[in-house]
Protein backbone atom coordinates (compact mmCIF):
# COMPACT_ATOMS: atom_id res chain seq x y z
CA MET A 1 143.94 92.76 74.93
CA TYR A 2 144.66 96.48 75.10
CA VAL A 3 143.57 99.24 77.62
CA ASN A 4 141.69 102.49 76.38
CA PRO A 5 143.78 105.05 76.92
CA ASN A 6 147.09 103.58 76.11
CA TYR A 7 149.02 103.63 78.97
CA ARG A 8 153.32 103.26 78.46
CA THR A 9 153.69 101.70 81.91
CA LYS A 10 151.24 99.68 84.59
CA LYS A 11 152.06 102.17 86.98
CA ALA A 12 150.46 104.81 85.07
CA LEU A 13 147.44 102.67 84.78
CA ARG A 14 146.89 102.01 88.34
CA GLN A 15 147.38 105.64 88.95
CA ALA A 16 144.70 106.40 86.38
CA LEU A 17 142.47 103.89 87.96
CA ALA A 18 143.32 105.60 91.79
CA ASP A 19 142.32 108.67 89.84
CA GLY A 20 139.11 107.64 88.97
CA VAL A 21 139.73 107.41 85.27
CA GLU A 22 137.16 105.00 83.20
CA VAL A 23 139.57 102.47 81.31
CA GLU A 24 138.18 100.22 78.65
CA VAL A 25 139.43 96.97 77.48
CA TYR A 26 139.36 96.52 73.77
CA GLN A 27 140.51 93.51 71.41
CA PRO A 28 141.82 94.58 68.26
CA GLY A 29 141.36 93.19 65.00
CA GLY A 30 137.63 91.91 65.22
CA ILE A 31 138.33 88.11 65.28
CA PHE A 32 137.36 87.87 68.90
CA PRO A 33 135.10 90.19 70.54
CA ALA A 34 136.65 91.94 73.66
CA GLN A 35 135.95 90.21 77.11
CA THR A 36 133.37 92.22 79.26
CA GLU A 37 133.07 90.57 82.34
CA GLY A 38 135.61 88.67 84.43
CA GLU A 39 139.30 88.74 84.97
CA VAL A 40 141.19 89.47 81.43
CA SER A 41 144.62 89.64 81.01
CA VAL A 42 145.79 93.00 78.87
CA GLU A 43 149.43 94.28 77.52
CA GLY A 44 150.68 97.48 76.41
CA PRO A 45 151.30 100.13 75.07
CA HIS A 46 149.59 99.39 72.12
CA TYR A 47 151.33 98.06 69.32
CA PRO A 48 153.61 99.23 67.14
CA GLU A 49 155.59 99.92 70.25
CA PRO A 50 156.97 97.26 71.97
CA HIS A 51 155.10 95.80 74.57
CA ARG A 52 156.77 96.54 77.93
CA TRP A 53 154.13 95.44 80.39
CA TYR A 54 151.32 93.05 81.26
CA ALA A 55 148.59 92.94 83.60
CA ARG A 56 145.64 90.89 85.02
CA VAL A 57 142.60 93.04 85.65
CA GLN A 58 139.50 92.68 86.63
CA VAL A 59 136.47 93.86 84.37
CA SER A 60 132.91 95.14 84.67
CA GLY A 61 130.88 95.87 81.36
CA GLY A 62 134.08 96.48 79.43
CA VAL A 63 135.50 98.86 82.02
CA VAL A 64 138.56 97.70 83.98
CA THR A 65 138.17 98.15 87.51
CA LYS A 66 140.78 96.41 89.57
CA VAL A 67 144.52 95.36 88.78
CA LEU A 68 145.40 91.93 89.69
CA SER A 69 149.01 91.64 89.28
């Protein structure tokens, strides 16, 4: 799964959450729907760039509420 907006680093994702930015999760391709509640794994930056970071996040209503790791 990915986050929107597309952050180049996990540090930038954490800073955006601290600044109050609403960060959504989504599953590309549409084969499986995005999980909108609970803990999920996300990666970034988005394809076609190589993934440089991975994180476990808490999601509520499809919006990231906390970076767990």
